[in-house]
Structures are given as structure tokens and as C-alpha cells.
N, C-alpha and C. Protein backbone atom coordinates (compact mmCIF):
# COMPACT_ATOMS: atom_id res chain seq x y z
N MET A 1 -76.36 79.01 -32.99
CA MET A 1 -74.99 79.50 -32.73
C MET A 1 -74.83 80.90 -33.35
N ARG A 2 -74.21 81.79 -32.59
CA ARG A 2 -74.01 83.16 -33.06
C ARG A 2 -72.97 83.20 -34.18
N PRO A 3 -73.25 83.88 -35.30
CA PRO A 3 -72.29 83.94 -36.40
C PRO A 3 -70.99 84.61 -35.96
N SER A 4 -69.86 84.08 -36.43
CA SER A 4 -68.56 84.65 -36.10
C SER A 4 -68.29 85.85 -37.00
N SER A 5 -67.23 86.59 -36.66
CA SER A 5 -66.85 87.73 -37.50
C SER A 5 -66.44 87.25 -38.88
N ASP A 6 -65.82 86.06 -38.95
CA ASP A 6 -65.47 85.49 -40.25
C ASP A 6 -66.72 85.25 -41.09
N ASP A 7 -67.78 84.76 -40.44
CA ASP A 7 -69.04 84.51 -41.15
C ASP A 7 -69.61 85.80 -41.73
N HIS A 8 -69.57 86.85 -40.94
CA HIS A 8 -70.07 88.14 -41.42
C HIS A 8 -69.25 88.65 -42.60
N ASP A 9 -67.94 88.51 -42.50
CA ASP A 9 -67.06 88.98 -43.58
C ASP A 9 -67.28 88.18 -44.86
N LEU A 10 -67.44 86.88 -44.73
CA LEU A 10 -67.65 86.03 -45.90
C LEU A 10 -69.02 86.30 -46.52
N ALA A 11 -70.02 86.54 -45.69
CA ALA A 11 -71.35 86.85 -46.21
C ALA A 11 -71.34 88.18 -46.96
N ARG A 12 -70.67 89.17 -46.40
CA ARG A 12 -70.59 90.47 -47.07
C ARG A 12 -69.85 90.34 -48.41
N LEU A 13 -68.81 89.55 -48.44
CA LEU A 13 -68.06 89.33 -49.67
C LEU A 13 -68.92 88.64 -50.73
N ALA A 14 -69.70 87.67 -50.29
CA ALA A 14 -70.54 86.93 -51.24
C ALA A 14 -71.64 87.81 -51.82
N GLU A 15 -72.10 88.79 -51.05
CA GLU A 15 -73.19 89.65 -51.51
C GLU A 15 -72.70 90.87 -52.29
N ALA A 16 -71.40 91.10 -52.29
CA ALA A 16 -70.85 92.30 -52.92
C ALA A 16 -71.01 92.26 -54.43
N ARG A 17 -71.14 93.43 -55.00
CA ARG A 17 -71.20 93.58 -56.46
C ARG A 17 -70.08 94.51 -56.87
N SER A 18 -68.94 93.92 -57.14
CA SER A 18 -67.77 94.71 -57.48
C SER A 18 -67.90 95.30 -58.88
N THR A 19 -67.02 96.22 -59.21
CA THR A 19 -66.98 96.83 -60.53
C THR A 19 -65.54 96.82 -61.03
N PRO A 20 -65.33 96.94 -62.33
CA PRO A 20 -63.96 96.99 -62.86
C PRO A 20 -63.14 98.14 -62.27
N VAL A 21 -63.79 99.28 -62.02
CA VAL A 21 -63.07 100.42 -61.44
C VAL A 21 -62.60 100.11 -60.03
N ALA A 22 -63.47 99.49 -59.25
CA ALA A 22 -63.11 99.14 -57.88
C ALA A 22 -61.96 98.14 -57.87
N ARG A 23 -62.03 97.17 -58.75
CA ARG A 23 -60.95 96.17 -58.82
C ARG A 23 -59.64 96.81 -59.25
N LEU A 24 -59.73 97.76 -60.18
CA LEU A 24 -58.52 98.44 -60.66
C LEU A 24 -57.87 99.25 -59.54
N ILE A 25 -58.68 100.03 -58.82
CA ILE A 25 -58.15 100.85 -57.74
C ILE A 25 -57.51 99.99 -56.66
N ALA A 26 -58.23 98.97 -56.23
CA ALA A 26 -57.71 98.09 -55.18
C ALA A 26 -56.47 97.34 -55.65
N GLY A 27 -56.44 96.99 -56.94
CA GLY A 27 -55.30 96.25 -57.47
C GLY A 27 -54.06 97.10 -57.62
N VAL A 28 -54.24 98.35 -58.03
CA VAL A 28 -53.09 99.24 -58.22
C VAL A 28 -52.55 99.74 -56.89
N LEU A 29 -53.46 100.09 -55.98
CA LEU A 29 -53.05 100.67 -54.70
C LEU A 29 -53.03 99.62 -53.60
N THR A 30 -52.42 98.48 -53.88
CA THR A 30 -52.25 97.45 -52.87
C THR A 30 -51.22 97.90 -51.84
N PRO A 31 -51.23 97.31 -50.65
CA PRO A 31 -50.20 97.66 -49.66
C PRO A 31 -48.78 97.51 -50.20
N ALA A 32 -48.54 96.46 -50.98
CA ALA A 32 -47.20 96.24 -51.52
C ALA A 32 -46.78 97.39 -52.43
N ASN A 33 -47.67 97.81 -53.31
CA ASN A 33 -47.34 98.90 -54.23
C ASN A 33 -47.15 100.23 -53.51
N VAL A 34 -47.94 100.45 -52.48
CA VAL A 34 -47.80 101.68 -51.69
C VAL A 34 -46.44 101.70 -50.99
N VAL A 35 -46.07 100.57 -50.42
CA VAL A 35 -44.77 100.47 -49.75
C VAL A 35 -43.63 100.66 -50.75
N LEU A 36 -43.75 100.05 -51.91
CA LEU A 36 -42.72 100.21 -52.94
C LEU A 36 -42.53 101.68 -53.30
N ALA A 37 -43.63 102.38 -53.48
CA ALA A 37 -43.55 103.78 -53.88
C ALA A 37 -42.94 104.65 -52.78
N LEU A 38 -43.36 104.42 -51.53
CA LEU A 38 -42.86 105.25 -50.44
C LEU A 38 -41.39 104.98 -50.15
N THR A 39 -40.98 103.73 -50.19
CA THR A 39 -39.57 103.42 -49.92
C THR A 39 -38.67 103.97 -51.02
N VAL A 40 -39.11 103.96 -52.26
CA VAL A 40 -38.27 104.51 -53.32
C VAL A 40 -38.15 106.03 -53.15
N TYR A 41 -39.22 106.67 -52.71
CA TYR A 41 -39.17 108.11 -52.48
C TYR A 41 -38.16 108.46 -51.37
N ILE A 42 -38.26 107.77 -50.25
CA ILE A 42 -37.36 108.03 -49.13
C ILE A 42 -35.92 107.68 -49.48
N ALA A 43 -35.73 106.55 -50.15
CA ALA A 43 -34.37 106.13 -50.52
C ALA A 43 -33.70 107.15 -51.42
N PHE A 44 -34.40 107.60 -52.44
CA PHE A 44 -33.80 108.54 -53.39
C PHE A 44 -33.67 109.94 -52.80
N LYS A 45 -34.50 110.28 -51.83
CA LYS A 45 -34.40 111.60 -51.21
C LYS A 45 -33.18 111.70 -50.30
N TYR A 46 -32.85 110.61 -49.61
CA TYR A 46 -31.82 110.70 -48.58
C TYR A 46 -30.51 109.96 -48.89
N ALA A 47 -30.49 109.07 -49.86
CA ALA A 47 -29.25 108.36 -50.18
C ALA A 47 -28.25 109.32 -50.82
N PRO A 48 -26.95 109.10 -50.62
CA PRO A 48 -25.94 110.02 -51.17
C PRO A 48 -25.76 109.93 -52.67
N SER A 49 -26.23 108.85 -53.29
CA SER A 49 -26.09 108.69 -54.73
C SER A 49 -27.22 107.84 -55.28
N VAL A 50 -27.37 107.87 -56.58
CA VAL A 50 -28.42 107.07 -57.22
C VAL A 50 -28.16 105.58 -57.00
N VAL A 51 -26.89 105.18 -57.12
CA VAL A 51 -26.54 103.77 -56.93
C VAL A 51 -26.88 103.33 -55.51
N ALA A 52 -26.53 104.16 -54.53
CA ALA A 52 -26.84 103.82 -53.14
C ALA A 52 -28.35 103.75 -52.92
N ALA A 53 -29.08 104.68 -53.52
CA ALA A 53 -30.54 104.69 -53.36
C ALA A 53 -31.16 103.41 -53.92
N ILE A 54 -30.73 103.02 -55.12
CA ILE A 54 -31.26 101.80 -55.73
C ILE A 54 -30.90 100.58 -54.90
N SER A 55 -29.65 100.55 -54.41
CA SER A 55 -29.20 99.39 -53.63
C SER A 55 -30.02 99.22 -52.36
N TRP A 56 -30.16 100.33 -51.61
CA TRP A 56 -30.91 100.23 -50.36
C TRP A 56 -32.38 99.98 -50.61
N TRP A 57 -32.90 100.53 -51.69
CA TRP A 57 -34.31 100.29 -52.00
C TRP A 57 -34.55 98.81 -52.31
N LEU A 58 -33.65 98.21 -53.08
CA LEU A 58 -33.79 96.80 -53.41
C LEU A 58 -33.72 95.92 -52.17
N VAL A 59 -32.81 96.25 -51.27
CA VAL A 59 -32.71 95.49 -50.02
C VAL A 59 -34.01 95.61 -49.23
N ALA A 60 -34.50 96.83 -49.10
CA ALA A 60 -35.74 97.06 -48.36
C ALA A 60 -36.92 96.34 -49.00
N VAL A 61 -37.00 96.40 -50.31
CA VAL A 61 -38.12 95.76 -51.02
C VAL A 61 -38.10 94.25 -50.84
N PHE A 62 -36.92 93.66 -50.94
CA PHE A 62 -36.82 92.20 -50.78
C PHE A 62 -37.27 91.77 -49.40
N LEU A 63 -36.81 92.49 -48.37
CA LEU A 63 -37.11 92.10 -47.00
C LEU A 63 -38.52 92.49 -46.55
N VAL A 64 -38.98 93.66 -46.98
CA VAL A 64 -40.25 94.18 -46.49
C VAL A 64 -41.45 93.72 -47.33
N VAL A 65 -41.23 93.54 -48.63
CA VAL A 65 -42.32 93.12 -49.52
C VAL A 65 -42.15 91.68 -49.97
N GLY A 66 -40.95 91.34 -50.41
CA GLY A 66 -40.71 90.01 -50.98
C GLY A 66 -40.92 88.87 -50.00
N ILE A 67 -40.28 88.95 -48.83
CA ILE A 67 -40.39 87.86 -47.86
C ILE A 67 -41.83 87.70 -47.34
N PRO A 68 -42.52 88.78 -46.93
CA PRO A 68 -43.91 88.59 -46.52
C PRO A 68 -44.80 87.99 -47.61
N TYR A 69 -44.52 88.34 -48.87
CA TYR A 69 -45.32 87.76 -49.95
C TYR A 69 -45.04 86.27 -50.07
N LEU A 70 -43.79 85.87 -49.91
CA LEU A 70 -43.45 84.44 -49.94
C LEU A 70 -44.11 83.71 -48.78
N ILE A 71 -44.18 84.36 -47.63
CA ILE A 71 -44.85 83.77 -46.47
C ILE A 71 -46.33 83.55 -46.77
N LEU A 72 -46.94 84.53 -47.42
CA LEU A 72 -48.36 84.40 -47.79
C LEU A 72 -48.57 83.27 -48.78
N LEU A 73 -47.70 83.17 -49.78
CA LEU A 73 -47.82 82.09 -50.76
C LEU A 73 -47.69 80.73 -50.10
N ARG A 74 -46.79 80.63 -49.14
CA ARG A 74 -46.62 79.36 -48.41
C ARG A 74 -47.88 79.05 -47.60
N ALA A 75 -48.47 80.06 -46.98
CA ALA A 75 -49.70 79.85 -46.22
C ALA A 75 -50.84 79.41 -47.13
N LEU A 76 -50.89 79.96 -48.34
CA LEU A 76 -51.92 79.56 -49.29
C LEU A 76 -51.76 78.10 -49.70
N ARG A 77 -50.51 77.69 -49.92
CA ARG A 77 -50.26 76.30 -50.30
C ARG A 77 -50.60 75.34 -49.17
N ARG A 78 -50.32 75.75 -47.94
CA ARG A 78 -50.57 74.87 -46.79
C ARG A 78 -52.02 74.93 -46.33
N GLY A 79 -52.77 75.90 -46.82
CA GLY A 79 -54.17 76.02 -46.43
C GLY A 79 -54.41 76.83 -45.18
N SER A 80 -53.38 77.45 -44.63
CA SER A 80 -53.57 78.29 -43.44
C SER A 80 -54.06 79.68 -43.80
N ALA A 81 -54.11 79.97 -45.10
CA ALA A 81 -54.74 81.20 -45.61
C ALA A 81 -55.64 80.78 -46.76
N SER A 82 -56.87 81.26 -46.76
CA SER A 82 -57.84 80.82 -47.76
C SER A 82 -57.78 81.63 -49.06
N ASP A 83 -57.21 82.83 -49.00
CA ASP A 83 -57.10 83.64 -50.21
C ASP A 83 -56.00 84.68 -49.98
N ARG A 84 -55.57 85.32 -51.05
CA ARG A 84 -54.45 86.25 -50.96
C ARG A 84 -54.74 87.48 -50.12
N GLN A 85 -56.00 87.84 -50.02
CA GLN A 85 -56.34 89.02 -49.23
C GLN A 85 -56.77 88.67 -47.81
N VAL A 86 -56.72 87.39 -47.50
CA VAL A 86 -56.98 86.87 -46.15
C VAL A 86 -58.26 87.49 -45.57
N VAL A 87 -59.37 87.10 -46.16
CA VAL A 87 -60.67 87.61 -45.73
C VAL A 87 -60.97 87.19 -44.30
N ARG A 88 -60.61 85.97 -43.94
CA ARG A 88 -60.93 85.47 -42.60
C ARG A 88 -60.02 86.14 -41.55
N ARG A 89 -60.62 86.84 -40.62
CA ARG A 89 -59.85 87.52 -39.58
C ARG A 89 -59.02 86.54 -38.77
N SER A 90 -59.56 85.35 -38.53
CA SER A 90 -58.86 84.37 -37.70
C SER A 90 -57.53 83.93 -38.31
N GLN A 91 -57.36 84.12 -39.61
CA GLN A 91 -56.12 83.71 -40.26
C GLN A 91 -55.08 84.82 -40.29
N ARG A 92 -55.46 86.02 -39.89
CA ARG A 92 -54.59 87.18 -40.03
C ARG A 92 -53.48 87.31 -38.99
N PRO A 93 -53.73 87.09 -37.71
CA PRO A 93 -52.68 87.36 -36.71
C PRO A 93 -51.36 86.65 -36.99
N ALA A 94 -51.41 85.35 -37.32
CA ALA A 94 -50.17 84.61 -37.55
C ALA A 94 -49.42 85.15 -38.76
N LEU A 95 -50.15 85.47 -39.82
CA LEU A 95 -49.51 86.01 -41.02
C LEU A 95 -48.90 87.39 -40.75
N MET A 96 -49.62 88.22 -40.00
CA MET A 96 -49.10 89.54 -39.69
C MET A 96 -47.88 89.46 -38.79
N ALA A 97 -47.89 88.51 -37.86
CA ALA A 97 -46.72 88.33 -36.99
C ALA A 97 -45.51 87.91 -37.80
N SER A 98 -45.71 87.03 -38.78
CA SER A 98 -44.60 86.60 -39.64
C SER A 98 -44.09 87.76 -40.48
N ALA A 99 -45.02 88.57 -41.00
CA ALA A 99 -44.62 89.74 -41.78
C ALA A 99 -43.85 90.73 -40.91
N ALA A 100 -44.29 90.90 -39.67
CA ALA A 100 -43.61 91.82 -38.76
C ALA A 100 -42.19 91.33 -38.48
N ALA A 101 -42.01 90.02 -38.36
CA ALA A 101 -40.68 89.47 -38.14
C ALA A 101 -39.76 89.77 -39.33
N ALA A 102 -40.30 89.67 -40.54
CA ALA A 102 -39.51 89.98 -41.74
C ALA A 102 -39.14 91.46 -41.77
N VAL A 103 -40.06 92.31 -41.34
CA VAL A 103 -39.79 93.75 -41.33
C VAL A 103 -38.75 94.08 -40.26
N VAL A 104 -38.79 93.39 -39.14
CA VAL A 104 -37.77 93.58 -38.10
C VAL A 104 -36.40 93.20 -38.64
N LEU A 105 -36.34 92.11 -39.39
CA LEU A 105 -35.08 91.71 -40.03
C LEU A 105 -34.58 92.81 -40.96
N ALA A 106 -35.50 93.39 -41.71
CA ALA A 106 -35.13 94.49 -42.61
C ALA A 106 -34.58 95.65 -41.80
N LEU A 107 -35.19 95.92 -40.68
CA LEU A 107 -34.76 97.02 -39.82
C LEU A 107 -33.32 96.80 -39.35
N VAL A 108 -33.02 95.59 -38.93
CA VAL A 108 -31.67 95.28 -38.45
C VAL A 108 -30.64 95.40 -39.58
N VAL A 109 -30.97 94.83 -40.73
CA VAL A 109 -30.05 94.86 -41.86
C VAL A 109 -29.78 96.29 -42.32
N LEU A 110 -30.83 97.08 -42.45
CA LEU A 110 -30.67 98.45 -42.92
C LEU A 110 -29.92 99.31 -41.91
N TYR A 111 -30.24 99.14 -40.64
CA TYR A 111 -29.59 99.97 -39.61
C TYR A 111 -28.10 99.68 -39.53
N PHE A 112 -27.75 98.42 -39.39
CA PHE A 112 -26.33 98.07 -39.23
C PHE A 112 -25.58 98.10 -40.56
N GLY A 113 -26.33 98.09 -41.66
CA GLY A 113 -25.68 98.18 -42.97
C GLY A 113 -25.37 99.60 -43.39
N GLY A 114 -25.87 100.57 -42.62
CA GLY A 114 -25.58 101.97 -42.93
C GLY A 114 -26.55 102.63 -43.88
N ALA A 115 -27.76 102.13 -43.96
CA ALA A 115 -28.77 102.74 -44.84
C ALA A 115 -29.12 104.14 -44.34
N PRO A 116 -29.64 105.00 -45.20
CA PRO A 116 -30.08 106.32 -44.76
C PRO A 116 -31.04 106.19 -43.59
N ARG A 117 -30.82 106.97 -42.56
CA ARG A 117 -31.62 106.81 -41.35
C ARG A 117 -33.12 107.02 -41.57
N PRO A 118 -33.55 107.96 -42.41
CA PRO A 118 -35.00 108.07 -42.64
C PRO A 118 -35.61 106.79 -43.20
N LEU A 119 -34.85 106.04 -44.00
CA LEU A 119 -35.35 104.77 -44.52
C LEU A 119 -35.50 103.77 -43.38
N VAL A 120 -34.55 103.79 -42.46
CA VAL A 120 -34.63 102.91 -41.29
C VAL A 120 -35.83 103.29 -40.43
N TRP A 121 -36.03 104.60 -40.22
CA TRP A 121 -37.17 105.04 -39.39
C TRP A 121 -38.49 104.68 -40.07
N LEU A 122 -38.52 104.73 -41.39
CA LEU A 122 -39.72 104.33 -42.12
C LEU A 122 -40.04 102.86 -41.86
N ILE A 123 -39.01 102.02 -41.93
CA ILE A 123 -39.22 100.59 -41.69
C ILE A 123 -39.67 100.35 -40.25
N LEU A 124 -39.11 101.11 -39.31
CA LEU A 124 -39.53 100.97 -37.91
C LEU A 124 -40.99 101.38 -37.75
N ALA A 125 -41.37 102.47 -38.41
CA ALA A 125 -42.77 102.91 -38.35
C ALA A 125 -43.70 101.85 -38.92
N MET A 126 -43.27 101.21 -40.01
CA MET A 126 -44.06 100.13 -40.60
C MET A 126 -44.18 98.94 -39.66
N THR A 127 -43.07 98.65 -38.96
CA THR A 127 -43.10 97.55 -37.99
C THR A 127 -44.13 97.81 -36.91
N CYS A 128 -44.12 99.03 -36.39
CA CYS A 128 -45.09 99.39 -35.35
C CYS A 128 -46.52 99.28 -35.87
N GLY A 129 -46.73 99.69 -37.12
CA GLY A 129 -48.05 99.58 -37.71
C GLY A 129 -48.49 98.13 -37.86
N LEU A 130 -47.57 97.27 -38.27
CA LEU A 130 -47.89 95.85 -38.43
C LEU A 130 -48.21 95.21 -37.09
N VAL A 131 -47.43 95.56 -36.07
CA VAL A 131 -47.68 95.01 -34.74
C VAL A 131 -49.05 95.46 -34.24
N ALA A 132 -49.37 96.73 -34.44
CA ALA A 132 -50.67 97.23 -34.02
C ALA A 132 -51.81 96.52 -34.75
N MET A 133 -51.62 96.28 -36.05
CA MET A 133 -52.65 95.57 -36.82
C MET A 133 -52.76 94.11 -36.39
N ALA A 134 -51.62 93.49 -36.09
CA ALA A 134 -51.63 92.09 -35.66
C ALA A 134 -52.37 91.94 -34.33
N ILE A 135 -52.11 92.86 -33.41
CA ILE A 135 -52.81 92.82 -32.12
C ILE A 135 -54.31 93.05 -32.32
N THR A 136 -54.64 94.02 -33.15
CA THR A 136 -56.04 94.31 -33.42
C THR A 136 -56.75 93.11 -34.02
N SER A 137 -56.04 92.40 -34.91
CA SER A 137 -56.63 91.27 -35.62
C SER A 137 -56.98 90.09 -34.72
N THR A 138 -56.44 90.07 -33.51
CA THR A 138 -56.80 88.99 -32.59
C THR A 138 -58.23 89.14 -32.08
N VAL A 139 -58.77 90.36 -32.17
CA VAL A 139 -60.13 90.58 -31.68
C VAL A 139 -61.06 91.23 -32.70
N TRP A 140 -60.47 91.85 -33.73
CA TRP A 140 -61.30 92.61 -34.68
C TRP A 140 -60.54 92.76 -35.99
N LYS A 141 -61.28 92.79 -37.09
CA LYS A 141 -60.65 92.91 -38.40
C LYS A 141 -60.66 94.36 -38.86
N ALA A 142 -59.48 94.87 -39.22
CA ALA A 142 -59.35 96.21 -39.78
C ALA A 142 -58.70 96.10 -41.15
N SER A 143 -58.88 97.11 -41.97
CA SER A 143 -58.40 97.07 -43.35
C SER A 143 -56.89 97.32 -43.44
N MET A 144 -56.16 96.33 -43.95
CA MET A 144 -54.73 96.50 -44.16
C MET A 144 -54.45 97.49 -45.29
N HIS A 145 -55.30 97.47 -46.33
CA HIS A 145 -55.14 98.44 -47.41
C HIS A 145 -55.15 99.87 -46.85
N LEU A 146 -56.12 100.17 -46.01
CA LEU A 146 -56.24 101.53 -45.47
C LEU A 146 -55.18 101.81 -44.43
N ALA A 147 -54.77 100.80 -43.67
CA ALA A 147 -53.73 101.01 -42.67
C ALA A 147 -52.42 101.40 -43.34
N VAL A 148 -52.04 100.66 -44.37
CA VAL A 148 -50.78 100.95 -45.07
C VAL A 148 -50.87 102.27 -45.81
N ALA A 149 -51.97 102.50 -46.50
CA ALA A 149 -52.12 103.73 -47.28
C ALA A 149 -52.14 104.97 -46.39
N SER A 150 -52.87 104.91 -45.29
CA SER A 150 -52.94 106.07 -44.40
C SER A 150 -51.61 106.29 -43.68
N GLY A 151 -50.92 105.20 -43.35
CA GLY A 151 -49.60 105.34 -42.75
C GLY A 151 -48.63 105.98 -43.72
N ALA A 152 -48.70 105.59 -44.99
CA ALA A 152 -47.84 106.17 -46.01
C ALA A 152 -48.13 107.66 -46.20
N VAL A 153 -49.40 108.01 -46.18
CA VAL A 153 -49.79 109.42 -46.31
C VAL A 153 -49.26 110.23 -45.14
N ALA A 154 -49.33 109.67 -43.93
CA ALA A 154 -48.84 110.37 -42.74
C ALA A 154 -47.34 110.63 -42.85
N VAL A 155 -46.59 109.62 -43.28
CA VAL A 155 -45.14 109.77 -43.43
C VAL A 155 -44.83 110.78 -44.53
N LEU A 156 -45.52 110.64 -45.64
CA LEU A 156 -45.27 111.55 -46.77
C LEU A 156 -45.59 112.99 -46.38
N ALA A 157 -46.63 113.20 -45.60
CA ALA A 157 -46.99 114.55 -45.17
C ALA A 157 -45.91 115.16 -44.29
N LEU A 158 -45.24 114.32 -43.49
CA LEU A 158 -44.15 114.82 -42.67
C LEU A 158 -42.95 115.22 -43.52
N GLU A 159 -42.79 114.56 -44.65
CA GLU A 159 -41.68 114.88 -45.55
C GLU A 159 -42.01 116.05 -46.47
N ASN A 160 -43.25 116.09 -46.92
CA ASN A 160 -43.67 117.11 -47.87
C ASN A 160 -45.19 117.30 -47.72
N ARG A 161 -45.59 118.40 -47.15
CA ARG A 161 -47.01 118.60 -46.85
C ARG A 161 -47.88 118.58 -48.10
N LEU A 162 -47.40 119.20 -49.16
CA LEU A 162 -48.18 119.24 -50.39
C LEU A 162 -48.36 117.84 -50.97
N ALA A 163 -47.27 117.07 -51.01
CA ALA A 163 -47.35 115.69 -51.51
C ALA A 163 -48.25 114.85 -50.63
N GLY A 164 -48.18 115.07 -49.32
CA GLY A 164 -49.03 114.32 -48.41
C GLY A 164 -50.50 114.64 -48.61
N ALA A 165 -50.80 115.93 -48.84
CA ALA A 165 -52.19 116.34 -49.07
C ALA A 165 -52.72 115.74 -50.36
N PHE A 166 -51.88 115.69 -51.39
CA PHE A 166 -52.29 115.09 -52.66
C PHE A 166 -52.53 113.59 -52.50
N ALA A 167 -51.61 112.92 -51.81
CA ALA A 167 -51.75 111.47 -51.62
C ALA A 167 -52.99 111.14 -50.80
N ALA A 168 -53.38 112.03 -49.88
CA ALA A 168 -54.54 111.78 -49.04
C ALA A 168 -55.83 111.69 -49.86
N LEU A 169 -55.83 112.28 -51.05
CA LEU A 169 -57.02 112.23 -51.90
C LEU A 169 -57.33 110.81 -52.36
N PHE A 170 -56.31 109.93 -52.33
CA PHE A 170 -56.51 108.55 -52.77
C PHE A 170 -57.14 107.68 -51.68
N LEU A 171 -57.09 108.13 -50.44
CA LEU A 171 -57.64 107.31 -49.36
C LEU A 171 -59.13 107.02 -49.51
N PRO A 172 -59.98 108.03 -49.84
CA PRO A 172 -61.39 107.71 -50.05
C PRO A 172 -61.62 106.76 -51.22
N LEU A 173 -60.77 106.86 -52.24
CA LEU A 173 -60.91 105.95 -53.38
C LEU A 173 -60.61 104.52 -52.98
N ILE A 174 -59.55 104.34 -52.21
CA ILE A 174 -59.21 102.99 -51.74
C ILE A 174 -60.32 102.45 -50.86
N ALA A 175 -60.81 103.29 -49.95
CA ALA A 175 -61.88 102.87 -49.05
C ALA A 175 -63.13 102.46 -49.84
N TRP A 176 -63.49 103.27 -50.82
CA TRP A 176 -64.66 102.94 -51.64
C TRP A 176 -64.47 101.62 -52.37
N ALA A 177 -63.27 101.43 -52.95
CA ALA A 177 -63.01 100.20 -53.71
C ALA A 177 -63.10 98.97 -52.82
N ARG A 178 -62.54 99.05 -51.62
CA ARG A 178 -62.57 97.89 -50.71
C ARG A 178 -64.00 97.64 -50.21
N TRP A 179 -64.75 98.72 -49.98
CA TRP A 179 -66.14 98.55 -49.56
C TRP A 179 -66.97 97.97 -50.71
N ARG A 180 -66.77 98.48 -51.91
CA ARG A 180 -67.53 98.04 -53.07
C ARG A 180 -67.27 96.57 -53.36
N GLU A 181 -66.05 96.12 -53.13
CA GLU A 181 -65.72 94.72 -53.36
C GLU A 181 -66.20 93.81 -52.23
N GLY A 182 -66.72 94.41 -51.16
CA GLY A 182 -67.22 93.62 -50.05
C GLY A 182 -66.13 93.12 -49.13
N ARG A 183 -64.94 93.68 -49.25
CA ARG A 183 -63.81 93.22 -48.45
C ARG A 183 -63.87 93.72 -47.01
N HIS A 184 -64.48 94.90 -46.83
CA HIS A 184 -64.52 95.48 -45.49
C HIS A 184 -65.80 96.27 -45.28
N SER A 185 -66.17 96.38 -44.02
CA SER A 185 -67.26 97.28 -43.63
C SER A 185 -66.67 98.68 -43.47
N VAL A 186 -67.54 99.66 -43.33
CA VAL A 186 -67.07 101.04 -43.15
C VAL A 186 -66.24 101.16 -41.87
N SER A 187 -66.69 100.53 -40.80
CA SER A 187 -65.94 100.61 -39.54
C SER A 187 -64.57 99.97 -39.66
N GLN A 188 -64.45 98.88 -40.40
CA GLN A 188 -63.15 98.24 -40.60
C GLN A 188 -62.21 99.12 -41.41
N LEU A 189 -62.77 99.84 -42.36
CA LEU A 189 -61.97 100.75 -43.18
C LEU A 189 -61.48 101.93 -42.33
N LEU A 190 -62.37 102.52 -41.56
CA LEU A 190 -61.99 103.63 -40.69
C LEU A 190 -60.98 103.18 -39.64
N GLY A 191 -61.18 102.00 -39.10
CA GLY A 191 -60.25 101.48 -38.10
C GLY A 191 -58.86 101.29 -38.67
N GLY A 192 -58.77 100.71 -39.86
CA GLY A 192 -57.47 100.53 -40.49
C GLY A 192 -56.78 101.85 -40.75
N ALA A 193 -57.55 102.84 -41.22
CA ALA A 193 -56.98 104.15 -41.51
C ALA A 193 -56.43 104.81 -40.25
N LEU A 194 -57.17 104.72 -39.16
CA LEU A 194 -56.74 105.34 -37.91
C LEU A 194 -55.50 104.64 -37.34
N ILE A 195 -55.50 103.33 -37.37
CA ILE A 195 -54.35 102.58 -36.84
C ILE A 195 -53.10 102.88 -37.65
N GLY A 196 -53.22 102.84 -38.97
CA GLY A 196 -52.06 103.07 -39.82
C GLY A 196 -51.49 104.47 -39.67
N ALA A 197 -52.36 105.47 -39.70
CA ALA A 197 -51.91 106.86 -39.61
C ALA A 197 -51.29 107.14 -38.25
N ALA A 198 -51.91 106.62 -37.19
CA ALA A 198 -51.39 106.88 -35.85
C ALA A 198 -50.04 106.21 -35.62
N ALA A 199 -49.94 104.94 -35.97
CA ALA A 199 -48.70 104.21 -35.74
C ALA A 199 -47.55 104.76 -36.56
N ALA A 200 -47.73 104.86 -37.86
CA ALA A 200 -46.65 105.33 -38.73
C ALA A 200 -46.35 106.80 -38.51
N GLY A 201 -47.38 107.61 -38.40
CA GLY A 201 -47.17 109.04 -38.26
C GLY A 201 -46.46 109.41 -36.97
N VAL A 202 -46.89 108.83 -35.85
CA VAL A 202 -46.28 109.15 -34.57
C VAL A 202 -44.83 108.66 -34.51
N VAL A 203 -44.60 107.43 -34.90
CA VAL A 203 -43.24 106.87 -34.81
C VAL A 203 -42.28 107.60 -35.74
N TYR A 204 -42.67 107.77 -36.98
CA TYR A 204 -41.79 108.45 -37.93
C TYR A 204 -41.60 109.91 -37.54
N GLY A 205 -42.65 110.55 -37.06
CA GLY A 205 -42.55 111.94 -36.66
C GLY A 205 -41.61 112.14 -35.49
N LEU A 206 -41.58 111.21 -34.56
CA LEU A 206 -40.70 111.33 -33.39
C LEU A 206 -39.24 111.07 -33.74
N LEU A 207 -38.99 110.24 -34.76
CA LEU A 207 -37.63 109.82 -35.07
C LEU A 207 -36.93 110.66 -36.13
N ARG A 208 -37.69 111.24 -37.05
CA ARG A 208 -37.06 111.93 -38.17
C ARG A 208 -36.32 113.21 -37.74
């Protein structure tokens, strides 16, 4: 029987020789942390006051980060996800679809609640990125770490070119860390980066 993509991913993970530096980079620059940082930047840049910025940021964080994380924890308890980073590609589409639904909810709440429009457009760009990754995951595994990070860099570059250029320096570090840990192949890392940058960059660029 021909090995599945899950088999290849699990074999690569088993053979990997991670390092403390790789674990630190991957742990600090998780998709959740990247989203937290970017949403706080957009919220504080465009909200009319500090109180408003904090309020909208907290709402966005709860809906965009908190709910998907709870969905993942539930999947782990039920056994529909084998680990927090969801190594098995076959387990990813359903989780990504659930996360996309939570992000759509955030989009509705923020839009009709009167949140700063750039924050709403950011959430919409993230939704498009998640949908693209979910569709991709039905046939091929791409790196969510790189998709989120490259999407964030694309958005940040549209807001501030210098900040975007600086943030882009972290992309090779994230890619190296995920490769070193055996989480992804080079093609999966490049694929995630391209999907994330294209989806978030195009959508946010057209709307801002």
C-alpha cells in the first residue's frame, strides 16, 4: 500500500532532531501570537481612543484566537485531533473550517458593532486566508505558521513598509524552526507562505 501524506509527515516528525532554539522560535511566533500582535497594532492605530482600542482588541482576540483554541482543545479531548499542531493533514480541514466560522462571527460582530474598519478588513483578510488553507488541506498540507506569519507581514507592509520589511526577516527563522522540528517539508513551508501572503495581502490591500 502506498504511504499516505499523513504517513510521510509522521515519519519526518519522528526522524527530526529539534533544538531548543527551534522550539523557542516556533513557540514564540505561533499563529496565535502573530495574530495577537497584528490586531493590537491595527486596533491602536485606528481606534479613536485607548479605551476603544483595548475594547475592540479584546473582542477580536476572544473571537479570533480564543474560540478557535477552545475548538482545538475540544478536538483533542474527543480524539479528532492527535496533537495541538495537528500534524495529520486529514484532521486539518474540519478544524480550519470551524476556525473560519469563528472568524466570520468576529467579522460580523466587529462590523456591526462599529469597530475601526481596518480591523474589520484585517479579520476579513484572515478569513480568506483560513478558507484558502482549509481548501488546500483537503488535498495537501501547507504550513499554518508560515501562512499566518506571511499574511501578517503582507498586511503590515501595506500599513508601514519599513515595519513590514523588518517583520519579513522573521519568516526564514520561522521556516527554519518548523523544518528543524520536522513539522513541515520545504515545499509545505513555501506553500503556506505563498497562500498566506496572497490571501491576506490582496484582500486587505483592496479594502483598506
